[in-house]
Amino acid sequence: MDKEKIKKAVKLFLEGIGENIERAALKETPARVARMCEDVFGGIGANPEKVLTVLEGEKHDEIVLLKDIPLYSICEHHLLPFLGKAHVAYIPKGGRVTGLSKIARVVDILSRRPQLQERLTTQIAEVINKVLQPRGIMVIIEAEHLCMSIRGVKKPRIKTVTSVVRGIFRENPATRAETLALLKEKN
C-alpha cells in the first residue's frame, strides 16, 4: 500500500471540497486516513484460502452454522462503508471440517477490500467450497449500505440481503429450511 499516494490524494480531496488543509484539525488527517486504509483495505492481496485449515478425521456430517459474523466493508461504487453480518453454514463431507474462527477470518479478509455485497457473498461461498469441499454451503449477508443511508435516496436502516446456496442446500429443500429455521432462532 502506497501511503504517500494516499496522503496526497486526501490533501487534494480536502482542497477539492473547499477545506483549508492547513487548519489545525485537518493537518494530520491525510496521515490518519493513510493508516486507516492499511486496516480497512488489509484484505487486498491476502489469500483467504490460506487461513482455512482442514481438520480431517472428524465424523461430523451435519450442519455447521456460524450466525451473526460482523462484517465491515467499503462499497466500491462510492467508497462508503456497508456493515452488517454474515451467516455461513456448511455440511462437512468426508470428515473435512475447519476451526470455526477460520470461517470468520475468511469473511474478514474478503470484506477488507473494495467490494460489492453480491460478490462478497459469492466469494465467501467459493473459498469455503473450494477448500473444504463440503456437501453444501450457504452464505447469507445482511448489511446496511451508507451510500443509501446518507446520500442518494437517504433511507437509513434498509438491509440488503444476499445469499449463495450450493450443493445439498440447493438440492434438498428440507435441509435449506432447517438451516433457515436455525438462523431465525433467537439467541
N, C-alpha and C. Protein backbone atom coordinates (compact mmCIF):
# COMPACT_ATOMS: atom_id res chain seq x y z
N MET A 1 0.85 -1.17 0.00
CA MET A 1 0.00 0.00 0.00
C MET A 1 0.90 1.24 0.00
N ASP A 2 0.62 2.16 -0.87
CA ASP A 2 1.43 3.37 -1.01
C ASP A 2 0.80 4.50 -0.19
N LYS A 3 1.26 4.64 1.06
CA LYS A 3 0.67 5.64 1.96
C LYS A 3 0.95 7.07 1.51
N GLU A 4 2.04 7.30 0.82
CA GLU A 4 2.33 8.66 0.34
C GLU A 4 1.31 9.09 -0.71
N LYS A 5 0.96 8.18 -1.61
CA LYS A 5 -0.06 8.49 -2.61
C LYS A 5 -1.41 8.77 -1.94
N ILE A 6 -1.72 7.98 -0.93
CA ILE A 6 -2.99 8.18 -0.21
C ILE A 6 -3.00 9.55 0.45
N LYS A 7 -1.91 9.94 1.08
CA LYS A 7 -1.83 11.26 1.74
C LYS A 7 -2.03 12.38 0.73
N LYS A 8 -1.36 12.27 -0.43
CA LYS A 8 -1.52 13.30 -1.47
C LYS A 8 -2.97 13.36 -1.95
N ALA A 9 -3.57 12.20 -2.15
CA ALA A 9 -4.95 12.15 -2.63
C ALA A 9 -5.90 12.76 -1.62
N VAL A 10 -5.69 12.51 -0.34
CA VAL A 10 -6.57 13.07 0.69
C VAL A 10 -6.41 14.59 0.75
N LYS A 11 -5.19 15.08 0.62
CA LYS A 11 -4.98 16.54 0.58
C LYS A 11 -5.73 17.16 -0.60
N LEU A 12 -5.61 16.54 -1.78
CA LEU A 12 -6.31 17.05 -2.96
C LEU A 12 -7.83 16.99 -2.77
N PHE A 13 -8.30 15.92 -2.17
CA PHE A 13 -9.73 15.77 -1.91
C PHE A 13 -10.22 16.89 -0.98
N LEU A 14 -9.51 17.11 0.11
CA LEU A 14 -9.92 18.15 1.06
C LEU A 14 -9.91 19.53 0.40
N GLU A 15 -8.88 19.80 -0.41
CA GLU A 15 -8.85 21.06 -1.14
C GLU A 15 -10.02 21.13 -2.13
N GLY A 16 -10.31 20.00 -2.77
CA GLY A 16 -11.38 19.94 -3.77
C GLY A 16 -12.76 20.23 -3.21
N ILE A 17 -12.99 19.88 -1.94
CA ILE A 17 -14.30 20.16 -1.34
C ILE A 17 -14.33 21.54 -0.67
N GLY A 18 -13.19 22.27 -0.79
CA GLY A 18 -13.16 23.64 -0.28
C GLY A 18 -12.63 23.79 1.13
N GLU A 19 -11.98 22.76 1.65
CA GLU A 19 -11.42 22.84 3.01
C GLU A 19 -10.03 23.47 2.98
N ASN A 20 -9.65 24.01 4.11
CA ASN A 20 -8.31 24.57 4.31
C ASN A 20 -7.45 23.46 4.92
N ILE A 21 -6.55 22.90 4.13
CA ILE A 21 -5.74 21.79 4.62
C ILE A 21 -4.71 22.21 5.67
N GLU A 22 -4.56 23.50 5.87
CA GLU A 22 -3.65 23.99 6.91
C GLU A 22 -4.36 24.18 8.25
N ARG A 23 -5.67 24.00 8.27
CA ARG A 23 -6.43 24.11 9.51
C ARG A 23 -5.91 23.05 10.49
N ALA A 24 -5.74 23.43 11.74
CA ALA A 24 -5.12 22.56 12.75
C ALA A 24 -5.77 21.17 12.81
N ALA A 25 -7.08 21.10 12.78
CA ALA A 25 -7.76 19.81 12.91
C ALA A 25 -7.56 18.91 11.69
N LEU A 26 -7.17 19.49 10.55
CA LEU A 26 -7.01 18.71 9.33
C LEU A 26 -5.56 18.38 8.99
N LYS A 27 -4.62 19.00 9.68
CA LYS A 27 -3.20 18.81 9.31
C LYS A 27 -2.78 17.33 9.29
N GLU A 28 -3.24 16.58 10.25
CA GLU A 28 -2.83 15.16 10.34
C GLU A 28 -3.82 14.21 9.67
N THR A 29 -4.90 14.75 9.12
CA THR A 29 -5.92 13.89 8.51
C THR A 29 -5.37 13.03 7.37
N PRO A 30 -4.57 13.56 6.45
CA PRO A 30 -4.04 12.68 5.39
C PRO A 30 -3.27 11.48 5.94
N ALA A 31 -2.45 11.69 6.96
CA ALA A 31 -1.69 10.58 7.54
C ALA A 31 -2.63 9.60 8.26
N ARG A 32 -3.64 10.13 8.96
CA ARG A 32 -4.60 9.25 9.64
C ARG A 32 -5.36 8.40 8.64
N VAL A 33 -5.78 9.01 7.53
CA VAL A 33 -6.52 8.26 6.52
C VAL A 33 -5.62 7.18 5.90
N ALA A 34 -4.36 7.50 5.67
CA ALA A 34 -3.43 6.51 5.11
C ALA A 34 -3.27 5.33 6.05
N ARG A 35 -3.17 5.57 7.36
CA ARG A 35 -3.07 4.48 8.33
C ARG A 35 -4.38 3.68 8.38
N MET A 36 -5.50 4.37 8.31
CA MET A 36 -6.80 3.71 8.32
C MET A 36 -6.92 2.76 7.12
N CYS A 37 -6.43 3.19 5.96
CA CYS A 37 -6.53 2.37 4.75
C CYS A 37 -5.80 1.03 4.91
N GLU A 38 -4.71 1.04 5.65
CA GLU A 38 -4.00 -0.22 5.87
C GLU A 38 -4.90 -1.24 6.56
N ASP A 39 -5.72 -0.76 7.48
CA ASP A 39 -6.62 -1.65 8.20
C ASP A 39 -7.85 -1.98 7.37
N VAL A 40 -8.54 -0.95 6.88
CA VAL A 40 -9.80 -1.13 6.18
C VAL A 40 -9.62 -1.94 4.90
N PHE A 41 -8.51 -1.77 4.22
CA PHE A 41 -8.27 -2.47 2.96
C PHE A 41 -7.19 -3.55 3.11
N GLY A 42 -7.01 -4.05 4.32
CA GLY A 42 -5.99 -5.06 4.60
C GLY A 42 -6.21 -6.39 3.91
N GLY A 43 -7.38 -6.62 3.34
CA GLY A 43 -7.64 -7.87 2.64
C GLY A 43 -7.14 -7.89 1.20
N ILE A 44 -6.76 -6.72 0.69
CA ILE A 44 -6.25 -6.66 -0.69
C ILE A 44 -4.95 -7.46 -0.75
N GLY A 45 -4.90 -8.41 -1.64
CA GLY A 45 -3.69 -9.21 -1.80
C GLY A 45 -3.60 -10.39 -0.86
N ALA A 46 -4.45 -10.46 0.17
CA ALA A 46 -4.43 -11.59 1.09
C ALA A 46 -5.19 -12.76 0.48
N ASN A 47 -4.73 -13.97 0.73
CA ASN A 47 -5.37 -15.16 0.18
C ASN A 47 -6.21 -15.82 1.28
N PRO A 48 -7.54 -15.70 1.19
CA PRO A 48 -8.39 -16.28 2.24
C PRO A 48 -8.34 -17.80 2.30
N GLU A 49 -7.95 -18.45 1.21
CA GLU A 49 -7.85 -19.91 1.22
C GLU A 49 -6.79 -20.39 2.19
N LYS A 50 -5.77 -19.58 2.41
CA LYS A 50 -4.67 -20.00 3.28
C LYS A 50 -5.05 -20.05 4.75
N VAL A 51 -6.11 -19.33 5.15
CA VAL A 51 -6.49 -19.36 6.57
C VAL A 51 -7.37 -20.56 6.91
N LEU A 52 -7.97 -21.17 5.89
CA LEU A 52 -8.81 -22.34 6.14
C LEU A 52 -7.95 -23.59 6.23
N THR A 53 -7.85 -24.14 7.41
CA THR A 53 -7.12 -25.39 7.58
C THR A 53 -8.14 -26.51 7.72
N VAL A 54 -7.90 -27.60 7.05
CA VAL A 54 -8.82 -28.73 7.09
C VAL A 54 -8.41 -29.65 8.24
N LEU A 55 -9.37 -29.91 9.12
CA LEU A 55 -9.17 -30.84 10.24
C LEU A 55 -9.83 -32.15 9.85
N GLU A 56 -9.08 -33.02 9.22
CA GLU A 56 -9.65 -34.27 8.73
C GLU A 56 -9.79 -35.28 9.87
N GLY A 57 -10.68 -36.21 9.65
CA GLY A 57 -10.85 -37.28 10.62
C GLY A 57 -12.02 -37.08 11.56
N GLU A 58 -12.61 -35.89 11.57
CA GLU A 58 -13.80 -35.68 12.40
C GLU A 58 -14.96 -36.38 11.72
N LYS A 59 -15.90 -36.85 12.49
CA LYS A 59 -17.01 -37.61 11.94
C LYS A 59 -18.28 -36.78 11.77
N HIS A 60 -18.19 -35.48 12.00
CA HIS A 60 -19.39 -34.64 11.94
C HIS A 60 -19.86 -34.50 10.49
N ASP A 61 -21.15 -34.80 10.25
CA ASP A 61 -21.68 -34.68 8.90
C ASP A 61 -23.04 -33.98 8.90
N GLU A 62 -23.24 -33.11 9.87
CA GLU A 62 -24.48 -32.33 9.98
C GLU A 62 -24.14 -30.85 9.81
N ILE A 63 -25.15 -30.02 9.87
CA ILE A 63 -24.99 -28.58 9.64
C ILE A 63 -24.03 -27.95 10.65
N VAL A 64 -23.10 -27.17 10.13
CA VAL A 64 -22.26 -26.29 10.93
C VAL A 64 -22.67 -24.88 10.53
N LEU A 65 -23.14 -24.10 11.50
CA LEU A 65 -23.66 -22.76 11.20
C LEU A 65 -23.01 -21.72 12.09
N LEU A 66 -22.43 -20.72 11.49
CA LEU A 66 -21.94 -19.55 12.21
C LEU A 66 -22.89 -18.40 11.90
N LYS A 67 -23.53 -17.89 12.95
CA LYS A 67 -24.51 -16.81 12.79
C LYS A 67 -23.88 -15.49 13.23
N ASP A 68 -24.33 -14.43 12.58
CA ASP A 68 -24.02 -13.07 13.02
C ASP A 68 -22.52 -12.75 13.06
N ILE A 69 -21.78 -13.16 12.05
CA ILE A 69 -20.37 -12.78 11.95
C ILE A 69 -20.35 -11.31 11.52
N PRO A 70 -19.84 -10.41 12.37
CA PRO A 70 -19.84 -8.99 12.00
C PRO A 70 -18.96 -8.77 10.76
N LEU A 71 -19.43 -7.89 9.88
CA LEU A 71 -18.59 -7.55 8.74
C LEU A 71 -18.71 -6.06 8.45
N TYR A 72 -17.61 -5.53 7.98
CA TYR A 72 -17.49 -4.13 7.62
C TYR A 72 -16.73 -4.11 6.31
N SER A 73 -17.29 -3.44 5.32
CA SER A 73 -16.61 -3.37 4.04
C SER A 73 -16.84 -1.99 3.44
N ILE A 74 -16.19 -1.75 2.32
CA ILE A 74 -16.31 -0.47 1.62
C ILE A 74 -16.88 -0.75 0.23
N CYS A 75 -18.02 -0.12 -0.04
CA CYS A 75 -18.65 -0.26 -1.35
C CYS A 75 -17.74 0.39 -2.40
N GLU A 76 -17.45 -0.35 -3.43
CA GLU A 76 -16.51 0.18 -4.43
C GLU A 76 -17.13 1.25 -5.32
N HIS A 77 -18.44 1.43 -5.28
CA HIS A 77 -19.07 2.45 -6.12
C HIS A 77 -18.91 3.86 -5.57
N HIS A 78 -19.04 4.02 -4.24
CA HIS A 78 -18.97 5.35 -3.64
C HIS A 78 -17.91 5.47 -2.56
N LEU A 79 -17.18 4.40 -2.30
CA LEU A 79 -16.18 4.36 -1.23
C LEU A 79 -16.79 4.73 0.12
N LEU A 80 -17.99 4.25 0.35
CA LEU A 80 -18.65 4.40 1.64
C LEU A 80 -18.84 3.02 2.24
N PRO A 81 -18.87 2.94 3.56
CA PRO A 81 -18.97 1.63 4.21
C PRO A 81 -20.34 0.97 4.03
N PHE A 82 -20.31 -0.35 4.06
CA PHE A 82 -21.52 -1.12 4.34
C PHE A 82 -21.16 -2.06 5.48
N LEU A 83 -22.11 -2.23 6.38
CA LEU A 83 -21.83 -3.03 7.56
C LEU A 83 -23.03 -3.87 7.92
N GLY A 84 -22.73 -5.03 8.45
CA GLY A 84 -23.80 -5.94 8.80
C GLY A 84 -23.25 -7.21 9.37
N LYS A 85 -23.86 -8.33 8.94
CA LYS A 85 -23.44 -9.62 9.46
C LYS A 85 -23.57 -10.68 8.37
N ALA A 86 -22.71 -11.66 8.50
CA ALA A 86 -22.73 -12.80 7.59
C ALA A 86 -23.14 -14.03 8.39
N HIS A 87 -23.85 -14.91 7.72
CA HIS A 87 -24.21 -16.21 8.28
C HIS A 87 -23.63 -17.24 7.30
N VAL A 88 -22.88 -18.18 7.82
CA VAL A 88 -22.25 -19.18 6.97
C VAL A 88 -22.59 -20.57 7.51
N ALA A 89 -23.15 -21.40 6.64
CA ALA A 89 -23.47 -22.78 7.00
C ALA A 89 -22.83 -23.71 5.99
N TYR A 90 -22.34 -24.83 6.48
CA TYR A 90 -21.86 -25.87 5.58
C TYR A 90 -22.12 -27.23 6.21
N ILE A 91 -22.14 -28.24 5.37
CA ILE A 91 -22.27 -29.62 5.84
C ILE A 91 -21.02 -30.35 5.38
N PRO A 92 -20.20 -30.76 6.34
CA PRO A 92 -18.93 -31.42 6.00
C PRO A 92 -19.14 -32.71 5.22
N LYS A 93 -18.14 -33.04 4.45
CA LYS A 93 -18.11 -34.30 3.71
C LYS A 93 -16.76 -34.94 3.98
N GLY A 94 -16.76 -36.22 4.26
CA GLY A 94 -15.50 -36.94 4.45
C GLY A 94 -14.71 -36.46 5.65
N GLY A 95 -15.39 -35.95 6.67
CA GLY A 95 -14.69 -35.51 7.87
C GLY A 95 -13.88 -34.24 7.70
N ARG A 96 -14.14 -33.48 6.63
CA ARG A 96 -13.37 -32.24 6.37
C ARG A 96 -14.06 -31.06 7.03
N VAL A 97 -13.61 -30.71 8.24
CA VAL A 97 -14.11 -29.54 8.95
C VAL A 97 -12.95 -28.58 9.14
N THR A 98 -13.27 -27.40 9.65
CA THR A 98 -12.23 -26.40 9.91
C THR A 98 -12.52 -25.75 11.25
N GLY A 99 -11.52 -25.08 11.80
CA GLY A 99 -11.74 -24.32 13.03
C GLY A 99 -12.76 -23.23 12.76
N LEU A 100 -13.65 -23.01 13.71
CA LEU A 100 -14.73 -22.04 13.50
C LEU A 100 -14.19 -20.63 13.24
N SER A 101 -13.13 -20.26 13.92
CA SER A 101 -12.58 -18.91 13.71
C SER A 101 -12.07 -18.72 12.29
N LYS A 102 -11.73 -19.81 11.63
CA LYS A 102 -11.20 -19.71 10.26
C LYS A 102 -12.26 -19.18 9.30
N ILE A 103 -13.51 -19.58 9.52
CA ILE A 103 -14.58 -19.10 8.66
C ILE A 103 -14.77 -17.59 8.86
N ALA A 104 -14.74 -17.15 10.11
CA ALA A 104 -14.84 -15.71 10.39
C ALA A 104 -13.67 -14.96 9.75
N ARG A 105 -12.51 -15.56 9.72
CA ARG A 105 -11.35 -14.91 9.10
C ARG A 105 -11.51 -14.78 7.59
N VAL A 106 -12.11 -15.78 6.97
CA VAL A 106 -12.39 -15.69 5.52
C VAL A 106 -13.31 -14.51 5.26
N VAL A 107 -14.37 -14.38 6.06
CA VAL A 107 -15.28 -13.25 5.91
C VAL A 107 -14.52 -11.94 6.07
N ASP A 108 -13.66 -11.87 7.07
CA ASP A 108 -12.90 -10.65 7.34
C ASP A 108 -11.97 -10.28 6.19
N ILE A 109 -11.21 -11.23 5.70
CA ILE A 109 -10.26 -10.96 4.60
C ILE A 109 -10.99 -10.46 3.37
N LEU A 110 -12.06 -11.15 3.00
CA LEU A 110 -12.77 -10.76 1.78
C LEU A 110 -13.54 -9.45 1.94
N SER A 111 -13.91 -9.13 3.17
CA SER A 111 -14.61 -7.86 3.43
C SER A 111 -13.68 -6.67 3.38
N ARG A 112 -12.42 -6.88 3.67
CA ARG A 112 -11.47 -5.77 3.78
C ARG A 112 -10.83 -5.46 2.42
N ARG A 113 -11.72 -5.22 1.45
CA ARG A 113 -11.35 -4.83 0.08
C ARG A 113 -12.49 -3.96 -0.43
N PRO A 114 -12.26 -3.15 -1.44
CA PRO A 114 -13.41 -2.52 -2.08
C PRO A 114 -14.30 -3.64 -2.61
N GLN A 115 -15.59 -3.59 -2.30
CA GLN A 115 -16.44 -4.74 -2.56
C GLN A 115 -17.82 -4.35 -3.06
N LEU A 116 -18.51 -5.34 -3.55
CA LEU A 116 -19.95 -5.33 -3.77
C LEU A 116 -20.49 -6.46 -2.89
N GLN A 117 -21.60 -6.24 -2.24
CA GLN A 117 -22.13 -7.26 -1.34
C GLN A 117 -22.41 -8.57 -2.08
N GLU A 118 -22.94 -8.47 -3.28
CA GLU A 118 -23.24 -9.67 -4.05
C GLU A 118 -21.98 -10.49 -4.32
N ARG A 119 -20.91 -9.81 -4.72
CA ARG A 119 -19.65 -10.50 -4.99
C ARG A 119 -19.07 -11.08 -3.71
N LEU A 120 -19.13 -10.31 -2.63
CA LEU A 120 -18.59 -10.78 -1.35
C LEU A 120 -19.27 -12.08 -0.92
N THR A 121 -20.58 -12.14 -1.05
CA THR A 121 -21.33 -13.34 -0.66
C THR A 121 -20.86 -14.54 -1.47
N THR A 122 -20.71 -14.35 -2.77
CA THR A 122 -20.25 -15.43 -3.64
C THR A 122 -18.81 -15.84 -3.32
N GLN A 123 -17.94 -14.87 -3.10
CA GLN A 123 -16.54 -15.19 -2.81
C GLN A 123 -16.39 -16.01 -1.53
N ILE A 124 -17.14 -15.65 -0.50
CA ILE A 124 -17.07 -16.41 0.76
C ILE A 124 -17.46 -17.86 0.49
N ALA A 125 -18.57 -18.06 -0.22
CA ALA A 125 -19.03 -19.42 -0.52
C ALA A 125 -18.00 -20.18 -1.36
N GLU A 126 -17.44 -19.52 -2.36
CA GLU A 126 -16.50 -20.20 -3.25
C GLU A 126 -15.22 -20.63 -2.54
N VAL A 127 -14.70 -19.77 -1.66
CA VAL A 127 -13.47 -20.11 -0.94
C VAL A 127 -13.71 -21.32 -0.03
N ILE A 128 -14.79 -21.27 0.74
CA ILE A 128 -15.07 -22.38 1.65
C ILE A 128 -15.36 -23.66 0.87
N ASN A 129 -16.11 -23.54 -0.20
CA ASN A 129 -16.42 -24.70 -1.03
C ASN A 129 -15.17 -25.32 -1.63
N LYS A 130 -14.27 -24.49 -2.11
CA LYS A 130 -13.04 -24.99 -2.74
C LYS A 130 -12.15 -25.72 -1.74
N VAL A 131 -11.98 -25.14 -0.55
CA VAL A 131 -11.04 -25.71 0.42
C VAL A 131 -11.65 -26.90 1.17
N LEU A 132 -12.87 -26.74 1.66
CA LEU A 132 -13.47 -27.80 2.49
C LEU A 132 -14.18 -28.89 1.68
N GLN A 133 -14.60 -28.55 0.46
CA GLN A 133 -15.33 -29.48 -0.39
C GLN A 133 -16.50 -30.12 0.37
N PRO A 134 -17.38 -29.28 0.95
CA PRO A 134 -18.48 -29.80 1.74
C PRO A 134 -19.61 -30.36 0.87
N ARG A 135 -20.56 -31.00 1.54
CA ARG A 135 -21.76 -31.47 0.83
C ARG A 135 -22.60 -30.29 0.37
N GLY A 136 -22.48 -29.18 1.06
CA GLY A 136 -23.20 -27.98 0.68
C GLY A 136 -22.72 -26.79 1.47
N ILE A 137 -22.98 -25.61 0.93
CA ILE A 137 -22.59 -24.34 1.57
C ILE A 137 -23.72 -23.35 1.37
N MET A 138 -23.99 -22.56 2.41
CA MET A 138 -24.96 -21.48 2.32
C MET A 138 -24.34 -20.26 3.00
N VAL A 139 -24.36 -19.13 2.30
CA VAL A 139 -23.86 -17.87 2.85
C VAL A 139 -24.95 -16.83 2.67
N ILE A 140 -25.28 -16.14 3.75
CA ILE A 140 -26.25 -15.06 3.71
C ILE A 140 -25.61 -13.84 4.36
N ILE A 141 -25.70 -12.70 3.69
CA ILE A 141 -25.20 -11.45 4.25
C ILE A 141 -26.36 -10.46 4.34
N GLU A 142 -26.47 -9.82 5.49
CA GLU A 142 -27.43 -8.74 5.72
C GLU A 142 -26.60 -7.50 6.04
N ALA A 143 -26.78 -6.42 5.28
CA ALA A 143 -25.95 -5.25 5.52
C ALA A 143 -26.68 -3.96 5.19
N GLU A 144 -26.31 -2.91 5.92
CA GLU A 144 -26.77 -1.56 5.61
C GLU A 144 -25.66 -0.86 4.85
N HIS A 145 -26.04 -0.23 3.75
CA HIS A 145 -25.08 0.47 2.90
C HIS A 145 -25.21 1.98 3.14
N LEU A 146 -24.13 2.59 3.61
CA LEU A 146 -24.19 4.02 3.88
C LEU A 146 -24.38 4.85 2.62
N CYS A 147 -24.07 4.27 1.46
CA CYS A 147 -24.32 5.00 0.21
C CYS A 147 -25.82 5.18 -0.02
N MET A 148 -26.65 4.34 0.59
CA MET A 148 -28.11 4.52 0.53
C MET A 148 -28.61 5.31 1.73
N SER A 149 -27.89 5.25 2.83
CA SER A 149 -28.36 5.87 4.08
C SER A 149 -28.07 7.37 4.15
N ILE A 150 -26.90 7.79 3.65
CA ILE A 150 -26.50 9.19 3.84
C ILE A 150 -26.43 9.99 2.55
N ARG A 151 -26.62 9.35 1.41
CA ARG A 151 -26.60 10.06 0.13
C ARG A 151 -27.67 9.46 -0.76
N GLY A 152 -27.85 10.00 -1.92
CA GLY A 152 -28.83 9.44 -2.85
C GLY A 152 -30.23 9.45 -2.26
N VAL A 153 -30.81 8.27 -2.07
CA VAL A 153 -32.18 8.17 -1.57
C VAL A 153 -32.31 8.52 -0.09
N LYS A 154 -31.20 8.53 0.63
CA LYS A 154 -31.17 8.88 2.07
C LYS A 154 -32.22 8.08 2.85
N LYS A 155 -32.11 6.76 2.80
CA LYS A 155 -33.02 5.87 3.51
C LYS A 155 -32.21 4.98 4.46
N PRO A 156 -32.00 5.44 5.68
CA PRO A 156 -31.22 4.65 6.64
C PRO A 156 -31.96 3.40 7.10
N ARG A 157 -31.20 2.46 7.59
CA ARG A 157 -31.66 1.21 8.20
C ARG A 157 -32.26 0.21 7.21
N ILE A 158 -32.13 0.46 5.92
CA ILE A 158 -32.55 -0.55 4.94
C ILE A 158 -31.48 -1.64 4.93
N LYS A 159 -31.91 -2.87 5.05
CA LYS A 159 -30.99 -4.01 5.00
C LYS A 159 -31.04 -4.63 3.61
N THR A 160 -29.89 -4.83 3.04
CA THR A 160 -29.77 -5.57 1.79
C THR A 160 -29.36 -6.99 2.17
N VAL A 161 -30.08 -7.98 1.64
CA VAL A 161 -29.80 -9.38 1.95
C VAL A 161 -29.40 -10.08 0.66
N THR A 162 -28.26 -10.76 0.71
CA THR A 162 -27.80 -11.55 -0.42
C THR A 162 -27.54 -12.97 0.07
N SER A 163 -27.69 -13.93 -0.81
CA SER A 163 -27.42 -15.31 -0.42
C SER A 163 -26.80 -16.08 -1.57
N VAL A 164 -26.04 -17.08 -1.18
CA VAL A 164 -25.49 -18.04 -2.12
C VAL A 164 -25.77 -19.41 -1.53
N VAL A 165 -26.32 -20.29 -2.34
CA VAL A 165 -26.71 -21.62 -1.90
C VAL A 165 -26.13 -22.64 -2.87
N ARG A 166 -25.36 -23.59 -2.36
CA ARG A 166 -24.72 -24.60 -3.21
C ARG A 166 -24.94 -25.99 -2.61
N GLY A 167 -24.83 -26.98 -3.45
CA GLY A 167 -24.86 -28.37 -3.01
C GLY A 167 -26.18 -28.77 -2.38
N ILE A 168 -26.11 -29.50 -1.27
CA ILE A 168 -27.31 -30.07 -0.65
C ILE A 168 -28.30 -29.00 -0.20
N PHE A 169 -27.81 -27.80 0.11
CA PHE A 169 -28.73 -26.73 0.50
C PHE A 169 -29.63 -26.31 -0.67
N ARG A 170 -29.13 -26.45 -1.87
CA ARG A 170 -29.92 -26.13 -3.06
C ARG A 170 -30.78 -27.32 -3.46
N GLU A 171 -30.20 -28.51 -3.36
CA GLU A 171 -30.86 -29.73 -3.84
C GLU A 171 -31.96 -30.21 -2.90
N ASN A 172 -31.82 -29.96 -1.61
CA ASN A 172 -32.75 -30.52 -0.62
C ASN A 172 -33.47 -29.39 0.12
N PRO A 173 -34.74 -29.14 -0.22
CA PRO A 173 -35.48 -28.06 0.43
C PRO A 173 -35.57 -28.21 1.96
N ALA A 174 -35.61 -29.43 2.46
CA ALA A 174 -35.70 -29.65 3.91
C ALA A 174 -34.42 -29.19 4.60
N THR A 175 -33.28 -29.45 4.00
CA THR A 175 -32.00 -29.02 4.59
C THR A 175 -31.91 -27.50 4.59
N ARG A 176 -32.32 -26.90 3.49
CA ARG A 176 -32.33 -25.44 3.43
C ARG A 176 -33.28 -24.87 4.48
N ALA A 177 -34.46 -25.43 4.60
CA ALA A 177 -35.45 -24.94 5.57
C ALA A 177 -34.94 -25.09 7.01
N GLU A 178 -34.28 -26.20 7.31
CA GLU A 178 -33.73 -26.40 8.65
C GLU A 178 -32.70 -25.32 8.97
N THR A 179 -31.85 -25.03 8.02
CA THR A 179 -30.82 -24.01 8.23
C THR A 179 -31.44 -22.63 8.42
N LEU A 180 -32.42 -22.30 7.60
CA LEU A 180 -33.09 -21.00 7.74
C LEU A 180 -33.82 -20.91 9.07
N ALA A 181 -34.40 -22.01 9.54
CA ALA A 181 -35.05 -22.01 10.86
C ALA A 181 -34.02 -21.77 11.97
N LEU A 182 -32.85 -22.37 11.85
CA LEU A 182 -31.79 -22.15 12.84
C LEU A 182 -31.35 -20.68 12.85
N LEU A 183 -31.32 -20.07 11.66
CA LEU A 183 -30.95 -18.64 11.59
C LEU A 183 -31.97 -17.76 12.28
N LYS A 184 -33.23 -18.13 12.20
CA LYS A 184 -34.29 -17.30 12.79
C LYS A 184 -34.38 -17.43 14.31
N GLU A 185 -33.83 -18.52 14.87
CA GLU A 185 -33.89 -18.73 16.32
C GLU A 185 -33.19 -17.60 17.04
N LYS A 186 -33.80 -17.13 18.10
CA LYS A 186 -33.20 -16.08 18.92
C LYS A 186 -32.13 -16.68 19.81
N ASN A 187 -31.14 -15.90 20.11
CA ASN A 187 -30.05 -16.37 20.99
C ASN A 187 -30.53 -16.52 22.40
